[in-house]
Amino acid sequence: MSELNEPIRWERPRDAAKRCQISIDLIRQAVKAGDLQAYPVGRGTREYRLDPAEVDAWMKSRAWEPRAVAQ
């Protein structure tokens, strides 16, 4: 089956954050800044879903520095 025929498996912001091992606030900031596309769920709600492939592409486009490990 080709990628074009496969259904999108939507993610909630908290699930995307957990999968990427980042904070949900970082996901929310990216959506608010327009760096990450969010797809609204229903009418009159602030809830949205994310496309995991777009989240992965956004993560790859970011410059990340490793955290210092406390000793």
PDB file of N, CA and C in Angstrom:
ATOM      1  N   MET A   1       0.848  -1.185   0.000  1.00  0.00           N
ATOM      2  CA  MET A   1       0.000   0.000   0.000  1.00  0.00           C
ATOM      3  C   MET A   1       0.887   1.239   0.000  1.00  0.00           C
ATOM      4  N   SER A   2       0.588   2.199  -0.811  1.00  0.00           N
ATOM      5  CA  SER A   2       1.399   3.409  -0.868  1.00  0.00           C
ATOM      6  C   SER A   2       1.048   4.359   0.267  1.00  0.00           C
ATOM      7  N   GLU A   3       1.957   5.290   0.543  1.00  0.00           N
ATOM      8  CA  GLU A   3       1.739   6.249   1.622  1.00  0.00           C
ATOM      9  C   GLU A   3       0.514   7.120   1.389  1.00  0.00           C
ATOM     10  N   LEU A   4       0.202   7.402   0.141  1.00  0.00           N
ATOM     11  CA  LEU A   4      -0.937   8.270  -0.162  1.00  0.00           C
ATOM     12  C   LEU A   4      -2.262   7.635   0.218  1.00  0.00           C
ATOM     13  N   ASN A   5      -2.313   6.326   0.247  1.00  0.00           N
ATOM     14  CA  ASN A   5      -3.552   5.631   0.555  1.00  0.00           C
ATOM     15  C   ASN A   5      -3.716   5.305   2.035  1.00  0.00           C
ATOM     16  N   GLU A   6      -2.648   5.497   2.807  1.00  0.00           N
ATOM     17  CA  GLU A   6      -2.716   5.171   4.222  1.00  0.00           C
ATOM     18  C   GLU A   6      -3.398   6.298   4.990  1.00  0.00           C
ATOM     19  N   PRO A   7      -4.297   5.951   5.915  1.00  0.00           N
ATOM     20  CA  PRO A   7      -4.956   6.995   6.708  1.00  0.00           C
ATOM     21  C   PRO A   7      -3.968   7.622   7.689  1.00  0.00           C
ATOM     22  N   ILE A   8      -4.194   8.891   8.002  1.00  0.00           N
ATOM     23  CA  ILE A   8      -3.368   9.576   8.994  1.00  0.00           C
ATOM     24  C   ILE A   8      -3.771   9.079  10.370  1.00  0.00           C
ATOM     25  N   ARG A   9      -2.815   8.791  11.175  1.00  0.00           N
ATOM     26  CA  ARG A   9      -3.069   8.392  12.559  1.00  0.00           C
ATOM     27  C   ARG A   9      -2.808   9.618  13.424  1.00  0.00           C
ATOM     28  N   TRP A  10      -3.872  10.335  13.738  1.00  0.00           N
ATOM     29  CA  TRP A  10      -3.772  11.586  14.476  1.00  0.00           C
ATOM     30  C   TRP A  10      -3.280  11.358  15.897  1.00  0.00           C
ATOM     31  N   GLU A  11      -2.591  12.377  16.432  1.00  0.00           N
ATOM     32  CA  GLU A  11      -2.106  12.335  17.805  1.00  0.00           C
ATOM     33  C   GLU A  11      -2.618  13.530  18.575  1.00  0.00           C
ATOM     34  N   ARG A  12      -2.856  13.336  19.841  1.00  0.00           N
ATOM     35  CA  ARG A  12      -3.139  14.449  20.732  1.00  0.00           C
ATOM     36  C   ARG A  12      -1.803  15.129  21.049  1.00  0.00           C
ATOM     37  N   PRO A  13      -1.835  16.417  21.374  1.00  0.00           N
ATOM     38  CA  PRO A  13      -0.582  17.109  21.702  1.00  0.00           C
ATOM     39  C   PRO A  13       0.208  16.429  22.816  1.00  0.00           C
ATOM     40  N   ARG A  14      -0.473  15.962  23.864  1.00  0.00           N
ATOM     41  CA  ARG A  14       0.261  15.327  24.974  1.00  0.00           C
ATOM     42  C   ARG A  14       0.911  14.017  24.533  1.00  0.00           C
ATOM     43  N   ASP A  15       0.277  13.296  23.613  1.00  0.00           N
ATOM     44  CA  ASP A  15       0.856  12.052  23.111  1.00  0.00           C
ATOM     45  C   ASP A  15       2.077  12.331  22.232  1.00  0.00           C
ATOM     46  N   ALA A  16       2.000  13.388  21.427  1.00  0.00           N
ATOM     47  CA  ALA A  16       3.139  13.779  20.591  1.00  0.00           C
ATOM     48  C   ALA A  16       4.316  14.197  21.463  1.00  0.00           C
ATOM     49  N   ALA A  17       4.030  14.962  22.510  1.00  0.00           N
ATOM     50  CA  ALA A  17       5.084  15.410  23.423  1.00  0.00           C
ATOM     51  C   ALA A  17       5.744  14.216  24.108  1.00  0.00           C
ATOM     52  N   LYS A  18       4.940  13.280  24.540  1.00  0.00           N
ATOM     53  CA  LYS A  18       5.472  12.091  25.218  1.00  0.00           C
ATOM     54  C   LYS A  18       6.322  11.267  24.252  1.00  0.00           C
ATOM     55  N   ARG A  19       5.839  11.076  23.047  1.00  0.00           N
ATOM     56  CA  ARG A  19       6.575  10.288  22.051  1.00  0.00           C
ATOM     57  C   ARG A  19       7.912  10.925  21.704  1.00  0.00           C
ATOM     58  N   CYS A  20       7.928  12.257  21.621  1.00  0.00           N
ATOM     59  CA  CYS A  20       9.153  12.985  21.260  1.00  0.00           C
ATOM     60  C   CYS A  20      10.021  13.317  22.468  1.00  0.00           C
ATOM     61  N   GLN A  21       9.534  13.007  23.644  1.00  0.00           N
ATOM     62  CA  GLN A  21      10.236  13.269  24.900  1.00  0.00           C
ATOM     63  C   GLN A  21      10.537  14.757  25.085  1.00  0.00           C
ATOM     64  N   ILE A  22       9.505  15.572  24.833  1.00  0.00           N
ATOM     65  CA  ILE A  22       9.590  17.011  25.056  1.00  0.00           C
ATOM     66  C   ILE A  22       8.369  17.428  25.863  1.00  0.00           C
ATOM     67  N   SER A  23       8.352  18.670  26.292  1.00  0.00           N
ATOM     68  CA  SER A  23       7.214  19.135  27.087  1.00  0.00           C
ATOM     69  C   SER A  23       6.032  19.466  26.182  1.00  0.00           C
ATOM     70  N   ILE A  24       4.853  19.333  26.736  1.00  0.00           N
ATOM     71  CA  ILE A  24       3.648  19.695  25.993  1.00  0.00           C
ATOM     72  C   ILE A  24       3.628  21.195  25.722  1.00  0.00           C
ATOM     73  N   ASP A  25       4.245  21.985  26.608  1.00  0.00           N
ATOM     74  CA  ASP A  25       4.319  23.432  26.388  1.00  0.00           C
ATOM     75  C   ASP A  25       5.097  23.767  25.119  1.00  0.00           C
ATOM     76  N   LEU A  26       6.133  23.000  24.817  1.00  0.00           N
ATOM     77  CA  LEU A  26       6.903  23.223  23.592  1.00  0.00           C
ATOM     78  C   LEU A  26       6.045  22.942  22.361  1.00  0.00           C
ATOM     79  N   ILE A  27       5.228  21.903  22.423  1.00  0.00           N
ATOM     80  CA  ILE A  27       4.302  21.598  21.327  1.00  0.00           C
ATOM     81  C   ILE A  27       3.313  22.752  21.166  1.00  0.00           C
ATOM     82  N   ARG A  28       2.739  23.204  22.272  1.00  0.00           N
ATOM     83  CA  ARG A  28       1.766  24.300  22.218  1.00  0.00           C
ATOM     84  C   ARG A  28       2.384  25.578  21.661  1.00  0.00           C
ATOM     85  N   GLN A  29       3.619  25.878  22.057  1.00  0.00           N
ATOM     86  CA  GLN A  29       4.301  27.069  21.545  1.00  0.00           C
ATOM     87  C   GLN A  29       4.519  26.967  20.042  1.00  0.00           C
ATOM     88  N   ALA A  30       4.893  25.785  19.564  1.00  0.00           N
ATOM     89  CA  ALA A  30       5.121  25.593  18.128  1.00  0.00           C
ATOM     90  C   ALA A  30       3.823  25.769  17.343  1.00  0.00           C
ATOM     91  N   VAL A  31       2.717  25.277  17.883  1.00  0.00           N
ATOM     92  CA  VAL A  31       1.417  25.442  17.223  1.00  0.00           C
ATOM     93  C   VAL A  31       1.037  26.919  17.197  1.00  0.00           C
ATOM     94  N   LYS A  32       1.184  27.587  18.330  1.00  0.00           N
ATOM     95  CA  LYS A  32       0.825  29.006  18.430  1.00  0.00           C
ATOM     96  C   LYS A  32       1.668  29.866  17.493  1.00  0.00           C
ATOM     97  N   ALA A  33       2.955  29.523  17.349  1.00  0.00           N
ATOM     98  CA  ALA A  33       3.859  30.276  16.477  1.00  0.00           C
ATOM     99  C   ALA A  33       3.648  29.949  14.996  1.00  0.00           C
ATOM    100  N   GLY A  34       2.879  28.900  14.719  1.00  0.00           N
ATOM    101  CA  GLY A  34       2.638  28.512  13.334  1.00  0.00           C
ATOM    102  C   GLY A  34       3.721  27.607  12.773  1.00  0.00           C
ATOM    103  N   ASP A  35       4.612  27.127  13.633  1.00  0.00           N
ATOM    104  CA  ASP A  35       5.681  26.238  13.185  1.00  0.00           C
ATOM    105  C   ASP A  35       5.204  24.801  13.034  1.00  0.00           C
ATOM    106  N   LEU A  36       4.102  24.479  13.687  1.00  0.00           N
ATOM    107  CA  LEU A  36       3.551  23.131  13.655  1.00  0.00           C
ATOM    108  C   LEU A  36       2.054  23.235  13.366  1.00  0.00           C
ATOM    109  N   GLN A  37       1.602  22.550  12.329  1.00  0.00           N
ATOM    110  CA  GLN A  37       0.194  22.603  11.918  1.00  0.00           C
ATOM    111  C   GLN A  37      -0.679  21.820  12.890  1.00  0.00           C
ATOM    112  N   ALA A  38      -1.757  22.437  13.342  1.00  0.00           N
ATOM    113  CA  ALA A  38      -2.734  21.780  14.213  1.00  0.00           C
ATOM    114  C   ALA A  38      -4.063  21.701  13.473  1.00  0.00           C
ATOM    115  N   TYR A  39      -4.769  20.610  13.673  1.00  0.00           N
ATOM    116  CA  TYR A  39      -6.044  20.379  12.994  1.00  0.00           C
ATOM    117  C   TYR A  39      -7.150  20.337  14.049  1.00  0.00           C
ATOM    118  N   PRO A  40      -8.063  21.323  14.030  1.00  0.00           N
ATOM    119  CA  PRO A  40      -9.109  21.387  15.056  1.00  0.00           C
ATOM    120  C   PRO A  40     -10.045  20.191  15.020  1.00  0.00           C
ATOM    121  N   VAL A  41     -10.539  19.855  16.198  1.00  0.00           N
ATOM    122  CA  VAL A  41     -11.490  18.751  16.352  1.00  0.00           C
ATOM    123  C   VAL A  41     -12.827  19.371  16.717  1.00  0.00           C
ATOM    124  N   GLY A  42     -13.825  19.194  15.863  1.00  0.00           N
ATOM    125  CA  GLY A  42     -15.156  19.719  16.138  1.00  0.00           C
ATOM    126  C   GLY A  42     -15.237  21.226  16.006  1.00  0.00           C
ATOM    127  N   ARG A  43     -16.395  21.756  16.340  1.00  0.00           N
ATOM    128  CA  ARG A  43     -16.637  23.199  16.261  1.00  0.00           C
ATOM    129  C   ARG A  43     -16.716  23.766  17.667  1.00  0.00           C
ATOM    130  N   GLY A  44     -16.232  24.986  17.805  1.00  0.00           N
ATOM    131  CA  GLY A  44     -16.339  25.664  19.085  1.00  0.00           C
ATOM    132  C   GLY A  44     -15.505  25.037  20.187  1.00  0.00           C
ATOM    133  N   THR A  45     -14.449  24.364  19.810  1.00  0.00           N
ATOM    134  CA  THR A  45     -13.576  23.741  20.807  1.00  0.00           C
ATOM    135  C   THR A  45     -12.141  24.146  20.545  1.00  0.00           C
ATOM    136  N   ARG A  46     -11.336  24.153  21.562  1.00  0.00           N
ATOM    137  CA  ARG A  46      -9.923  24.504  21.417  1.00  0.00           C
ATOM    138  C   ARG A  46      -9.065  23.259  21.236  1.00  0.00           C
ATOM    139  N   GLU A  47      -9.704  22.115  21.197  1.00  0.00           N
ATOM    140  CA  GLU A  47      -8.987  20.849  21.065  1.00  0.00           C
ATOM    141  C   GLU A  47      -8.512  20.668  19.624  1.00  0.00           C
ATOM    142  N   TYR A  48      -7.333  20.066  19.470  1.00  0.00           N
ATOM    143  CA  TYR A  48      -6.796  19.825  18.134  1.00  0.00           C
ATOM    144  C   TYR A  48      -5.977  18.544  18.128  1.00  0.00           C
ATOM    145  N   ARG A  49      -5.671  18.079  16.924  1.00  0.00           N
ATOM    146  CA  ARG A  49      -4.845  16.889  16.732  1.00  0.00           C
ATOM    147  C   ARG A  49      -3.674  17.269  15.832  1.00  0.00           C
ATOM    148  N   LEU A  50      -2.654  16.435  15.882  1.00  0.00           N
ATOM    149  CA  LEU A  50      -1.445  16.652  15.096  1.00  0.00           C
ATOM    150  C   LEU A  50      -1.184  15.445  14.211  1.00  0.00           C
ATOM    151  N   ASP A  51      -0.564  15.697  13.071  1.00  0.00           N
ATOM    152  CA  ASP A  51      -0.139  14.633  12.177  1.00  0.00           C
ATOM    153  C   ASP A  51       1.257  14.197  12.638  1.00  0.00           C
ATOM    154  N   PRO A  52       1.440  12.938  13.053  1.00  0.00           N
ATOM    155  CA  PRO A  52       2.747  12.503  13.548  1.00  0.00           C
ATOM    156  C   PRO A  52       3.894  12.736  12.566  1.00  0.00           C
ATOM    157  N   ALA A  53       3.635  12.611  11.273  1.00  0.00           N
ATOM    158  CA  ALA A  53       4.685  12.848  10.276  1.00  0.00           C
ATOM    159  C   ALA A  53       5.118  14.316  10.292  1.00  0.00           C
ATOM    160  N   GLU A  54       4.169  15.225  10.487  1.00  0.00           N
ATOM    161  CA  GLU A  54       4.508  16.642  10.570  1.00  0.00           C
ATOM    162  C   GLU A  54       5.254  16.963  11.859  1.00  0.00           C
ATOM    163  N   VAL A  55       4.886  16.293  12.938  1.00  0.00           N
ATOM    164  CA  VAL A  55       5.605  16.474  14.207  1.00  0.00           C
ATOM    165  C   VAL A  55       7.051  16.005  14.040  1.00  0.00           C
ATOM    166  N   ASP A  56       7.242  14.857  13.403  1.00  0.00           N
ATOM    167  CA  ASP A  56       8.596  14.344  13.171  1.00  0.00           C
ATOM    168  C   ASP A  56       9.414  15.303  12.315  1.00  0.00           C
ATOM    169  N   ALA A  57       8.819  15.831  11.258  1.00  0.00           N
ATOM    170  CA  ALA A  57       9.522  16.779  10.392  1.00  0.00           C
ATOM    171  C   ALA A  57       9.886  18.048  11.164  1.00  0.00           C
ATOM    172  N   TRP A  58       8.978  18.522  12.006  1.00  0.00           N
ATOM    173  CA  TRP A  58       9.248  19.705  12.822  1.00  0.00           C
ATOM    174  C   TRP A  58      10.404  19.427  13.787  1.00  0.00           C
ATOM    175  N   MET A  59      10.389  18.263  14.411  1.00  0.00           N
ATOM    176  CA  MET A  59      11.471  17.910  15.333  1.00  0.00           C
ATOM    177  C   MET A  59      12.818  17.873  14.610  1.00  0.00           C
ATOM    178  N   LYS A  60      12.844  17.319  13.410  1.00  0.00           N
ATOM    179  CA  LYS A  60      14.092  17.232  12.653  1.00  0.00           C
ATOM    180  C   LYS A  60      14.585  18.605  12.207  1.00  0.00           C
ATOM    181  N   SER A  61      13.674  19.549  12.049  1.00  0.00           N
ATOM    182  CA  SER A  61      14.059  20.887  11.592  1.00  0.00           C
ATOM    183  C   SER A  61      14.603  21.754  12.723  1.00  0.00           C
ATOM    184  N   ARG A  62      14.405  21.331  13.945  1.00  0.00           N
ATOM    185  CA  ARG A  62      14.839  22.103  15.111  1.00  0.00           C
ATOM    186  C   ARG A  62      16.310  21.829  15.419  1.00  0.00           C
ATOM    187  N   ALA A  63      16.999  22.831  15.921  1.00  0.00           N
ATOM    188  CA  ALA A  63      18.372  22.658  16.401  1.00  0.00           C
ATOM    189  C   ALA A  63      18.304  22.358  17.889  1.00  0.00           C
ATOM    190  N   TRP A  64      18.731  21.198  18.257  1.00  0.00           N
ATOM    191  CA  TRP A  64      18.659  20.775  19.657  1.00  0.00           C
ATOM    192  C   TRP A  64      20.048  20.657  20.251  1.00  0.00           C
ATOM    193  N   GLU A  65      20.152  21.083  21.466  1.00  0.00           N
ATOM    194  CA  GLU A  65      21.386  20.945  22.227  1.00  0.00           C
ATOM    195  C   GLU A  65      21.148  19.884  23.292  1.00  0.00           C
ATOM    196  N   PRO A  66      22.091  19.002  23.487  1.00  0.00           N
ATOM    197  CA  PRO A  66      21.906  18.010  24.548  1.00  0.00           C
ATOM    198  C   PRO A  66      21.921  18.683  25.916  1.00  0.00           C
ATOM    199  N   ARG A  67      21.122  18.158  26.816  1.00  0.00           N
ATOM    200  CA  ARG A  67      21.081  18.693  28.167  1.00  0.00           C
ATOM    201  C   ARG A  67      22.315  18.260  28.939  1.00  0.00           C
ATOM    202  N   ALA A  68      22.801  19.137  29.791  1.00  0.00           N
ATOM    203  CA  ALA A  68      23.921  18.783  30.655  1.00  0.00           C
ATOM    204  C   ALA A  68      23.423  17.804  31.712  1.00  0.00           C
ATOM    205  N   VAL A  69      24.190  16.797  31.927  1.00  0.00           N
ATOM    206  CA  VAL A  69      23.818  15.788  32.923  1.00  0.00           C
ATOM    207  C   VAL A  69      24.417  16.197  34.260  1.00  0.00           C
ATOM    208  N   ALA A  70      23.569  16.310  35.269  1.00  0.00           N
ATOM    209  CA  ALA A  70      24.016  16.669  36.605  1.00  0.00           C
ATOM    210  C   ALA A  70      24.759  15.496  37.220  1.00  0.00           C
ATOM    211  N   GLN A  71      25.909  15.785  37.792  1.00  0.00           N
ATOM    212  CA  GLN A  71      26.712  14.703  38.404  1.00  0.00           C
ATOM    213  C   GLN A  71      26.802  14.872  39.883  1.00  0.00           C
TER     214      GLN A  71
END
